[in-house]
Amino acid sequence: SCEDRDDSNSCGACGSCESFPPSPDDIDFPETDWTSEIM
């Protein structure tokens, strides 16, 4: 909910945050050699 977030933690629930979600081009995704899972 909007009451539970601040400007750095957009929730997207109400659709009023134009930056939600950001474009994948603007995201720093995990590196190839990082551990992703332990099974």
ModelCIF file with pLDDT and N, C-alpha, C, O atoms, coordinates in Angstrom:
data_MODEL
#
_entry.id   MODEL 
#
_entity.id                         1 
_entity.type                       polymer 
_entity.pdbx_number_of_molecules   1 
#
_entity_poly.entity_id                      1 
_entity_poly.type                           'polypeptide(L)' 
_entity_poly.nstd_linkage                   no 
_entity_poly.nstd_monomer                   no 
_entity_poly.pdbx_seq_one_letter_code       SCEDRDDSNSCGACGSCESFPPSPDDIDFPETDWTSEIM 
_entity_poly.pdbx_seq_one_letter_code_can   SCEDRDDSNSCGACGSCESFPPSPDDIDFPETDWTSEIM 
_entity_poly.pdbx_strand_id                 A 
#
loop_
_entity_poly_seq.entity_id 
_entity_poly_seq.num 
_entity_poly_seq.mon_id 
_entity_poly_seq.hetero 
1 1  SER n 
1 2  CYS n 
1 3  GLU n 
1 4  ASP n 
1 5  ARG n 
1 6  ASP n 
1 7  ASP n 
1 8  SER n 
1 9  ASN n 
1 10 SER n 
1 11 CYS n 
1 12 GLY n 
1 13 ALA n 
1 14 CYS n 
1 15 GLY n 
1 16 SER n 
1 17 CYS n 
1 18 GLU n 
1 19 SER n 
1 20 PHE n 
1 21 PRO n 
1 22 PRO n 
1 23 SER n 
1 24 PRO n 
1 25 ASP n 
1 26 ASP n 
1 27 ILE n 
1 28 ASP n 
1 29 PHE n 
1 30 PRO n 
1 31 GLU n 
1 32 THR n 
1 33 ASP n 
1 34 TRP n 
1 35 THR n 
1 36 SER n 
1 37 GLU n 
1 38 ILE n 
1 39 MET n 
#
_struct_asym.id          A 
_struct_asym.entity_id   1 
#
loop_
_ma_qa_metric.id 
_ma_qa_metric.mode 
_ma_qa_metric.name 
_ma_qa_metric.software_group_id 
_ma_qa_metric.type 
1 global pLDDT . pLDDT 
2 local  pLDDT . pLDDT 
#
_ma_qa_metric_global.metric_id      1 
_ma_qa_metric_global.metric_value   69.41 
_ma_qa_metric_global.model_id       1 
_ma_qa_metric_global.ordinal_id     1 
#
loop_
_ma_qa_metric_local.label_asym_id 
_ma_qa_metric_local.label_comp_id 
_ma_qa_metric_local.label_seq_id 
_ma_qa_metric_local.metric_id 
_ma_qa_metric_local.metric_value 
_ma_qa_metric_local.model_id 
_ma_qa_metric_local.ordinal_id 
A SER 1  2 36.00 1 1  
A CYS 2  2 39.00 1 2  
A GLU 3  2 40.00 1 3  
A ASP 4  2 44.00 1 4  
A ARG 5  2 44.00 1 5  
A ASP 6  2 45.00 1 6  
A ASP 7  2 45.00 1 7  
A SER 8  2 45.00 1 8  
A ASN 9  2 44.00 1 9  
A SER 10 2 44.00 1 10 
A CYS 11 2 46.00 1 11 
A GLY 12 2 46.00 1 12 
A ALA 13 2 43.00 1 13 
A CYS 14 2 44.00 1 14 
A GLY 15 2 46.00 1 15 
A SER 16 2 43.00 1 16 
A CYS 17 2 49.00 1 17 
A GLU 18 2 51.00 1 18 
A SER 19 2 59.00 1 19 
A PHE 20 2 70.00 1 20 
A PRO 21 2 87.00 1 21 
A PRO 22 2 89.00 1 22 
A SER 23 2 90.00 1 23 
A PRO 24 2 90.00 1 24 
A ASP 25 2 89.00 1 25 
A ASP 26 2 90.00 1 26 
A ILE 27 2 92.00 1 27 
A ASP 28 2 93.00 1 28 
A PHE 29 2 96.00 1 29 
A PRO 30 2 96.00 1 30 
A GLU 31 2 96.00 1 31 
A THR 32 2 97.00 1 32 
A ASP 33 2 96.00 1 33 
A TRP 34 2 98.00 1 34 
A THR 35 2 98.00 1 35 
A SER 36 2 98.00 1 36 
A GLU 37 2 97.00 1 37 
A ILE 38 2 97.00 1 38 
A MET 39 2 95.00 1 39 
#
loop_
_atom_site.group_PDB 
_atom_site.id 
_atom_site.type_symbol 
_atom_site.label_atom_id 
_atom_site.label_alt_id 
_atom_site.label_comp_id 
_atom_site.label_asym_id 
_atom_site.label_entity_id 
_atom_site.label_seq_id 
_atom_site.pdbx_PDB_ins_code 
_atom_site.Cartn_x 
_atom_site.Cartn_y 
_atom_site.Cartn_z 
_atom_site.occupancy 
_atom_site.B_iso_or_equiv 
_atom_site.pdbx_formal_charge 
_atom_site.auth_seq_id 
_atom_site.auth_comp_id 
_atom_site.auth_asym_id 
_atom_site.auth_atom_id 
_atom_site.pdbx_PDB_model_num 
ATOM 1   N N  . SER A 1 1  ? 0.824  -1.209  0.000   1.00 36.00 ? 1  SER A N  1 
ATOM 2   C CA . SER A 1 1  ? 0.000  0.000   0.000   1.00 36.00 ? 1  SER A CA 1 
ATOM 3   C C  . SER A 1 1  ? 0.859  1.260   0.000   1.00 36.00 ? 1  SER A C  1 
ATOM 4   O O  . SER A 1 1  ? 2.003  1.251   0.453   1.00 36.00 ? 1  SER A O  1 
ATOM 5   N N  . CYS A 1 2  ? 0.279  2.347   -0.520  1.00 39.00 ? 2  CYS A N  1 
ATOM 6   C CA . CYS A 1 2  ? 1.021  3.602   -0.614  1.00 39.00 ? 2  CYS A CA 1 
ATOM 7   C C  . CYS A 1 2  ? 1.419  4.113   0.774   1.00 39.00 ? 2  CYS A C  1 
ATOM 8   O O  . CYS A 1 2  ? 2.428  4.805   0.912   1.00 39.00 ? 2  CYS A O  1 
ATOM 9   N N  . GLU A 1 3  ? 0.628  3.774   1.805   1.00 40.00 ? 3  GLU A N  1 
ATOM 10  C CA . GLU A 1 3  ? 0.958  4.224   3.145   1.00 40.00 ? 3  GLU A CA 1 
ATOM 11  C C  . GLU A 1 3  ? 2.230  3.553   3.665   1.00 40.00 ? 3  GLU A C  1 
ATOM 12  O O  . GLU A 1 3  ? 2.907  4.073   4.552   1.00 40.00 ? 3  GLU A O  1 
ATOM 13  N N  . ASP A 1 4  ? 2.545  2.363   3.080   1.00 44.00 ? 4  ASP A N  1 
ATOM 14  C CA . ASP A 1 4  ? 3.681  1.599   3.586   1.00 44.00 ? 4  ASP A CA 1 
ATOM 15  C C  . ASP A 1 4  ? 4.974  1.863   2.834   1.00 44.00 ? 4  ASP A C  1 
ATOM 16  O O  . ASP A 1 4  ? 5.996  1.244   3.132   1.00 44.00 ? 4  ASP A O  1 
ATOM 17  N N  . ARG A 1 5  ? 4.952  2.764   1.869   1.00 44.00 ? 5  ARG A N  1 
ATOM 18  C CA . ARG A 1 5  ? 6.149  2.944   1.067   1.00 44.00 ? 5  ARG A CA 1 
ATOM 19  C C  . ARG A 1 5  ? 6.635  4.388   1.158   1.00 44.00 ? 5  ARG A C  1 
ATOM 20  O O  . ARG A 1 5  ? 5.923  5.287   1.606   1.00 44.00 ? 5  ARG A O  1 
ATOM 21  N N  . ASP A 1 6  ? 7.878  4.569   0.713   1.00 45.00 ? 6  ASP A N  1 
ATOM 22  C CA . ASP A 1 6  ? 8.374  5.924   0.532   1.00 45.00 ? 6  ASP A CA 1 
ATOM 23  C C  . ASP A 1 6  ? 8.721  6.089   -0.946  1.00 45.00 ? 6  ASP A C  1 
ATOM 24  O O  . ASP A 1 6  ? 8.476  5.181   -1.740  1.00 45.00 ? 6  ASP A O  1 
ATOM 25  N N  . ASP A 1 7  ? 9.277  7.214   -1.318  1.00 45.00 ? 7  ASP A N  1 
ATOM 26  C CA . ASP A 1 7  ? 9.512  7.485   -2.737  1.00 45.00 ? 7  ASP A CA 1 
ATOM 27  C C  . ASP A 1 7  ? 10.504 6.520   -3.364  1.00 45.00 ? 7  ASP A C  1 
ATOM 28  O O  . ASP A 1 7  ? 10.521 6.361   -4.584  1.00 45.00 ? 7  ASP A O  1 
ATOM 29  N N  . SER A 1 8  ? 11.329 5.876   -2.552  1.00 45.00 ? 8  SER A N  1 
ATOM 30  C CA . SER A 1 8  ? 12.317 4.950   -3.096  1.00 45.00 ? 8  SER A CA 1 
ATOM 31  C C  . SER A 1 8  ? 11.792 3.532   -3.203  1.00 45.00 ? 8  SER A C  1 
ATOM 32  O O  . SER A 1 8  ? 12.505 2.637   -3.655  1.00 45.00 ? 8  SER A O  1 
ATOM 33  N N  . ASN A 1 9  ? 10.551 3.318   -2.790  1.00 44.00 ? 9  ASN A N  1 
ATOM 34  C CA . ASN A 1 9  ? 10.012 1.958   -2.789  1.00 44.00 ? 9  ASN A CA 1 
ATOM 35  C C  . ASN A 1 9  ? 8.609  1.966   -3.394  1.00 44.00 ? 9  ASN A C  1 
ATOM 36  O O  . ASN A 1 9  ? 7.627  1.678   -2.709  1.00 44.00 ? 9  ASN A O  1 
ATOM 37  N N  . SER A 1 10 ? 8.525  2.298   -4.683  1.00 44.00 ? 10 SER A N  1 
ATOM 38  C CA . SER A 1 10 ? 7.234  2.353   -5.361  1.00 44.00 ? 10 SER A CA 1 
ATOM 39  C C  . SER A 1 10 ? 6.598  0.979   -5.396  1.00 44.00 ? 10 SER A C  1 
ATOM 40  O O  . SER A 1 10 ? 7.268  -0.018  -5.667  1.00 44.00 ? 10 SER A O  1 
ATOM 41  N N  . CYS A 1 11 ? 5.313  0.926   -5.123  1.00 46.00 ? 11 CYS A N  1 
ATOM 42  C CA . CYS A 1 11 ? 4.656  -0.372  -5.026  1.00 46.00 ? 11 CYS A CA 1 
ATOM 43  C C  . CYS A 1 11 ? 3.922  -0.751  -6.289  1.00 46.00 ? 11 CYS A C  1 
ATOM 44  O O  . CYS A 1 11 ? 3.823  -1.939  -6.598  1.00 46.00 ? 11 CYS A O  1 
ATOM 45  N N  . GLY A 1 12 ? 3.407  0.204   -7.029  1.00 46.00 ? 12 GLY A N  1 
ATOM 46  C CA . GLY A 1 12 ? 2.677  -0.102  -8.248  1.00 46.00 ? 12 GLY A CA 1 
ATOM 47  C C  . GLY A 1 12 ? 1.236  -0.502  -8.033  1.00 46.00 ? 12 GLY A C  1 
ATOM 48  O O  . GLY A 1 12 ? 0.512  -0.738  -9.000  1.00 46.00 ? 12 GLY A O  1 
ATOM 49  N N  . ALA A 1 13 ? 0.804  -0.584  -6.794  1.00 43.00 ? 13 ALA A N  1 
ATOM 50  C CA . ALA A 1 13 ? -0.541 -1.084  -6.522  1.00 43.00 ? 13 ALA A CA 1 
ATOM 51  C C  . ALA A 1 13 ? -1.621 -0.181  -7.094  1.00 43.00 ? 13 ALA A C  1 
ATOM 52  O O  . ALA A 1 13 ? -2.627 -0.672  -7.604  1.00 43.00 ? 13 ALA A O  1 
ATOM 53  N N  . CYS A 1 14 ? -1.427 1.140   -7.016  1.00 44.00 ? 14 CYS A N  1 
ATOM 54  C CA . CYS A 1 14 ? -2.475 2.054   -7.460  1.00 44.00 ? 14 CYS A CA 1 
ATOM 55  C C  . CYS A 1 14 ? -2.272 2.529   -8.888  1.00 44.00 ? 14 CYS A C  1 
ATOM 56  O O  . CYS A 1 14 ? -3.140 3.197   -9.450  1.00 44.00 ? 14 CYS A O  1 
ATOM 57  N N  . GLY A 1 15 ? -1.136 2.191   -9.480  1.00 46.00 ? 15 GLY A N  1 
ATOM 58  C CA . GLY A 1 15 ? -0.879 2.583   -10.856 1.00 46.00 ? 15 GLY A CA 1 
ATOM 59  C C  . GLY A 1 15 ? -0.522 4.039   -11.034 1.00 46.00 ? 15 GLY A C  1 
ATOM 60  O O  . GLY A 1 15 ? -0.431 4.510   -12.168 1.00 46.00 ? 15 GLY A O  1 
ATOM 61  N N  . SER A 1 16 ? -0.314 4.777   -9.944  1.00 43.00 ? 16 SER A N  1 
ATOM 62  C CA . SER A 1 16 ? -0.037 6.207   -10.053 1.00 43.00 ? 16 SER A CA 1 
ATOM 63  C C  . SER A 1 16 ? 1.452  6.517   -10.144 1.00 43.00 ? 16 SER A C  1 
ATOM 64  O O  . SER A 1 16 ? 1.836  7.667   -10.359 1.00 43.00 ? 16 SER A O  1 
ATOM 65  N N  . CYS A 1 17 ? 2.288  5.498   -9.981  1.00 49.00 ? 17 CYS A N  1 
ATOM 66  C CA . CYS A 1 17 ? 3.733  5.727   -10.009 1.00 49.00 ? 17 CYS A CA 1 
ATOM 67  C C  . CYS A 1 17 ? 4.236  5.522   -11.437 1.00 49.00 ? 17 CYS A C  1 
ATOM 68  O O  . CYS A 1 17 ? 4.317  4.384   -11.899 1.00 49.00 ? 17 CYS A O  1 
ATOM 69  N N  . GLU A 1 18 ? 4.567  6.580   -12.131 1.00 51.00 ? 18 GLU A N  1 
ATOM 70  C CA . GLU A 1 18 ? 4.958  6.477   -13.523 1.00 51.00 ? 18 GLU A CA 1 
ATOM 71  C C  . GLU A 1 18 ? 6.223  5.665   -13.713 1.00 51.00 ? 18 GLU A C  1 
ATOM 72  O O  . GLU A 1 18 ? 6.447  5.098   -14.782 1.00 51.00 ? 18 GLU A O  1 
ATOM 73  N N  . SER A 1 19 ? 7.045  5.608   -12.691 1.00 59.00 ? 19 SER A N  1 
ATOM 74  C CA . SER A 1 19 ? 8.315  4.894   -12.811 1.00 59.00 ? 19 SER A CA 1 
ATOM 75  C C  . SER A 1 19 ? 8.194  3.410   -12.511 1.00 59.00 ? 19 SER A C  1 
ATOM 76  O O  . SER A 1 19 ? 9.194  2.693   -12.500 1.00 59.00 ? 19 SER A O  1 
ATOM 77  N N  . PHE A 1 20 ? 6.965  2.941   -12.265 1.00 70.00 ? 20 PHE A N  1 
ATOM 78  C CA . PHE A 1 20 ? 6.793  1.545   -11.879 1.00 70.00 ? 20 PHE A CA 1 
ATOM 79  C C  . PHE A 1 20 ? 6.240  0.720   -13.034 1.00 70.00 ? 20 PHE A C  1 
ATOM 80  O O  . PHE A 1 20 ? 5.273  1.139   -13.670 1.00 70.00 ? 20 PHE A O  1 
ATOM 81  N N  . PRO A 1 21 ? 6.819  -0.427  -13.319 1.00 87.00 ? 21 PRO A N  1 
ATOM 82  C CA . PRO A 1 21 ? 8.183  -0.766  -12.919 1.00 87.00 ? 21 PRO A CA 1 
ATOM 83  C C  . PRO A 1 21 ? 9.169  -0.087  -13.864 1.00 87.00 ? 21 PRO A C  1 
ATOM 84  O O  . PRO A 1 21 ? 8.780  0.304   -14.964 1.00 87.00 ? 21 PRO A O  1 
ATOM 85  N N  . PRO A 1 22 ? 10.412 0.063   -13.479 1.00 89.00 ? 22 PRO A N  1 
ATOM 86  C CA . PRO A 1 22 ? 11.367 0.692   -14.379 1.00 89.00 ? 22 PRO A CA 1 
ATOM 87  C C  . PRO A 1 22 ? 11.660 -0.194  -15.584 1.00 89.00 ? 22 PRO A C  1 
ATOM 88  O O  . PRO A 1 22 ? 11.412 -1.399  -15.544 1.00 89.00 ? 22 PRO A O  1 
ATOM 89  N N  . SER A 1 23 ? 12.173 0.384   -16.628 1.00 90.00 ? 23 SER A N  1 
ATOM 90  C CA . SER A 1 23 ? 12.574 -0.400  -17.794 1.00 90.00 ? 23 SER A CA 1 
ATOM 91  C C  . SER A 1 23 ? 13.721 -1.324  -17.419 1.00 90.00 ? 23 SER A C  1 
ATOM 92  O O  . SER A 1 23 ? 14.594 -0.930  -16.647 1.00 90.00 ? 23 SER A O  1 
ATOM 93  N N  . PRO A 1 24 ? 13.740 -2.547  -17.949 1.00 90.00 ? 24 PRO A N  1 
ATOM 94  C CA . PRO A 1 24 ? 14.879 -3.437  -17.706 1.00 90.00 ? 24 PRO A CA 1 
ATOM 95  C C  . PRO A 1 24 ? 16.216 -2.809  -18.089 1.00 90.00 ? 24 PRO A C  1 
ATOM 96  O O  . PRO A 1 24 ? 17.258 -3.181  -17.549 1.00 90.00 ? 24 PRO A O  1 
ATOM 97  N N  . ASP A 1 25 ? 16.186 -1.859  -19.020 1.00 89.00 ? 25 ASP A N  1 
ATOM 98  C CA . ASP A 1 25 ? 17.434 -1.190  -19.416 1.00 89.00 ? 25 ASP A CA 1 
ATOM 99  C C  . ASP A 1 25 ? 18.038 -0.378  -18.276 1.00 89.00 ? 25 ASP A C  1 
ATOM 100 O O  . ASP A 1 25 ? 19.224 -0.047  -18.302 1.00 89.00 ? 25 ASP A O  1 
ATOM 101 N N  . ASP A 1 26 ? 17.216 -0.056  -17.271 1.00 90.00 ? 26 ASP A N  1 
ATOM 102 C CA . ASP A 1 26 ? 17.681 0.768   -16.157 1.00 90.00 ? 26 ASP A CA 1 
ATOM 103 C C  . ASP A 1 26 ? 17.991 -0.051  -14.903 1.00 90.00 ? 26 ASP A C  1 
ATOM 104 O O  . ASP A 1 26 ? 18.217 0.504   -13.828 1.00 90.00 ? 26 ASP A O  1 
ATOM 105 N N  . ILE A 1 27 ? 17.999 -1.368  -15.053 1.00 92.00 ? 27 ILE A N  1 
ATOM 106 C CA . ILE A 1 27 ? 18.200 -2.263  -13.904 1.00 92.00 ? 27 ILE A CA 1 
ATOM 107 C C  . ILE A 1 27 ? 19.595 -2.878  -13.953 1.00 92.00 ? 27 ILE A C  1 
ATOM 108 O O  . ILE A 1 27 ? 20.072 -3.259  -15.022 1.00 92.00 ? 27 ILE A O  1 
ATOM 109 N N  . ASP A 1 28 ? 20.242 -2.974  -12.810 1.00 93.00 ? 28 ASP A N  1 
ATOM 110 C CA . ASP A 1 28 ? 21.494 -3.724  -12.681 1.00 93.00 ? 28 ASP A CA 1 
ATOM 111 C C  . ASP A 1 28 ? 21.141 -5.158  -12.288 1.00 93.00 ? 28 ASP A C  1 
ATOM 112 O O  . ASP A 1 28 ? 20.880 -5.454  -11.122 1.00 93.00 ? 28 ASP A O  1 
ATOM 113 N N  . PHE A 1 29 ? 21.141 -6.025  -13.273 1.00 96.00 ? 29 PHE A N  1 
ATOM 114 C CA . PHE A 1 29 ? 20.778 -7.413  -13.013 1.00 96.00 ? 29 PHE A CA 1 
ATOM 115 C C  . PHE A 1 29 ? 21.960 -8.177  -12.407 1.00 96.00 ? 29 PHE A C  1 
ATOM 116 O O  . PHE A 1 29 ? 23.103 -7.730  -12.498 1.00 96.00 ? 29 PHE A O  1 
ATOM 117 N N  . PRO A 1 30 ? 21.680 -9.329  -11.791 1.00 96.00 ? 30 PRO A N  1 
ATOM 118 C CA . PRO A 1 30 ? 22.762 -10.116 -11.183 1.00 96.00 ? 30 PRO A CA 1 
ATOM 119 C C  . PRO A 1 30 ? 23.824 -10.507 -12.204 1.00 96.00 ? 30 PRO A C  1 
ATOM 120 O O  . PRO A 1 30 ? 23.538 -10.675 -13.389 1.00 96.00 ? 30 PRO A O  1 
ATOM 121 N N  . GLU A 1 31 ? 25.042 -10.646 -11.723 1.00 96.00 ? 31 GLU A N  1 
ATOM 122 C CA . GLU A 1 31 ? 26.138 -11.088 -12.584 1.00 96.00 ? 31 GLU A CA 1 
ATOM 123 C C  . GLU A 1 31 ? 26.070 -12.600 -12.802 1.00 96.00 ? 31 GLU A C  1 
ATOM 124 O O  . GLU A 1 31 ? 25.511 -13.341 -11.992 1.00 96.00 ? 31 GLU A O  1 
ATOM 125 N N  . THR A 1 32 ? 26.651 -13.031 -13.912 1.00 97.00 ? 32 THR A N  1 
ATOM 126 C CA . THR A 1 32 ? 26.585 -14.437 -14.304 1.00 97.00 ? 32 THR A CA 1 
ATOM 127 C C  . THR A 1 32 ? 27.132 -15.382 -13.239 1.00 97.00 ? 32 THR A C  1 
ATOM 128 O O  . THR A 1 32 ? 26.584 -16.465 -13.032 1.00 97.00 ? 32 THR A O  1 
ATOM 129 N N  . ASP A 1 33 ? 28.215 -14.979 -12.556 1.00 96.00 ? 33 ASP A N  1 
ATOM 130 C CA . ASP A 1 33 ? 28.860 -15.892 -11.612 1.00 96.00 ? 33 ASP A CA 1 
ATOM 131 C C  . ASP A 1 33 ? 28.306 -15.800 -10.195 1.00 96.00 ? 33 ASP A C  1 
ATOM 132 O O  . ASP A 1 33 ? 28.773 -16.515 -9.309  1.00 96.00 ? 33 ASP A O  1 
ATOM 133 N N  . TRP A 1 34 ? 27.325 -14.939 -9.963  1.00 98.00 ? 34 TRP A N  1 
ATOM 134 C CA . TRP A 1 34 ? 26.714 -14.873 -8.637  1.00 98.00 ? 34 TRP A CA 1 
ATOM 135 C C  . TRP A 1 34 ? 25.900 -16.142 -8.377  1.00 98.00 ? 34 TRP A C  1 
ATOM 136 O O  . TRP A 1 34 ? 25.340 -16.733 -9.299  1.00 98.00 ? 34 TRP A O  1 
ATOM 137 N N  . THR A 1 35 ? 25.844 -16.544 -7.122  1.00 98.00 ? 35 THR A N  1 
ATOM 138 C CA . THR A 1 35 ? 25.011 -17.687 -6.752  1.00 98.00 ? 35 THR A CA 1 
ATOM 139 C C  . THR A 1 35 ? 23.539 -17.306 -6.829  1.00 98.00 ? 35 THR A C  1 
ATOM 140 O O  . THR A 1 35 ? 23.115 -16.315 -6.234  1.00 98.00 ? 35 THR A O  1 
ATOM 141 N N  . SER A 1 36 ? 22.765 -18.095 -7.562  1.00 98.00 ? 36 SER A N  1 
ATOM 142 C CA . SER A 1 36 ? 21.342 -17.808 -7.728  1.00 98.00 ? 36 SER A CA 1 
ATOM 143 C C  . SER A 1 36 ? 20.460 -18.691 -6.855  1.00 98.00 ? 36 SER A C  1 
ATOM 144 O O  . SER A 1 36 ? 19.387 -18.273 -6.420  1.00 98.00 ? 36 SER A O  1 
ATOM 145 N N  . GLU A 1 37 ? 20.918 -19.914 -6.600  1.00 97.00 ? 37 GLU A N  1 
ATOM 146 C CA . GLU A 1 37 ? 20.074 -20.834 -5.841  1.00 97.00 ? 37 GLU A CA 1 
ATOM 147 C C  . GLU A 1 37 ? 20.923 -21.936 -5.214  1.00 97.00 ? 37 GLU A C  1 
ATOM 148 O O  . GLU A 1 37 ? 22.026 -22.235 -5.671  1.00 97.00 ? 37 GLU A O  1 
ATOM 149 N N  . ILE A 1 38 ? 20.386 -22.523 -4.170  1.00 97.00 ? 38 ILE A N  1 
ATOM 150 C CA . ILE A 1 38 ? 20.969 -23.707 -3.555  1.00 97.00 ? 38 ILE A CA 1 
ATOM 151 C C  . ILE A 1 38 ? 19.857 -24.737 -3.450  1.00 97.00 ? 38 ILE A C  1 
ATOM 152 O O  . ILE A 1 38 ? 18.852 -24.505 -2.777  1.00 97.00 ? 38 ILE A O  1 
ATOM 153 N N  . MET A 1 39 ? 20.033 -25.876 -4.111  1.00 95.00 ? 39 MET A N  1 
ATOM 154 C CA . MET A 1 39 ? 19.021 -26.920 -4.105  1.00 95.00 ? 39 MET A CA 1 
ATOM 155 C C  . MET A 1 39 ? 19.486 -28.086 -3.244  1.00 95.00 ? 39 MET A C  1 
ATOM 156 O O  . MET A 1 39 ? 18.769 -29.077 -3.108  1.00 95.00 ? 39 MET A O  1 
#
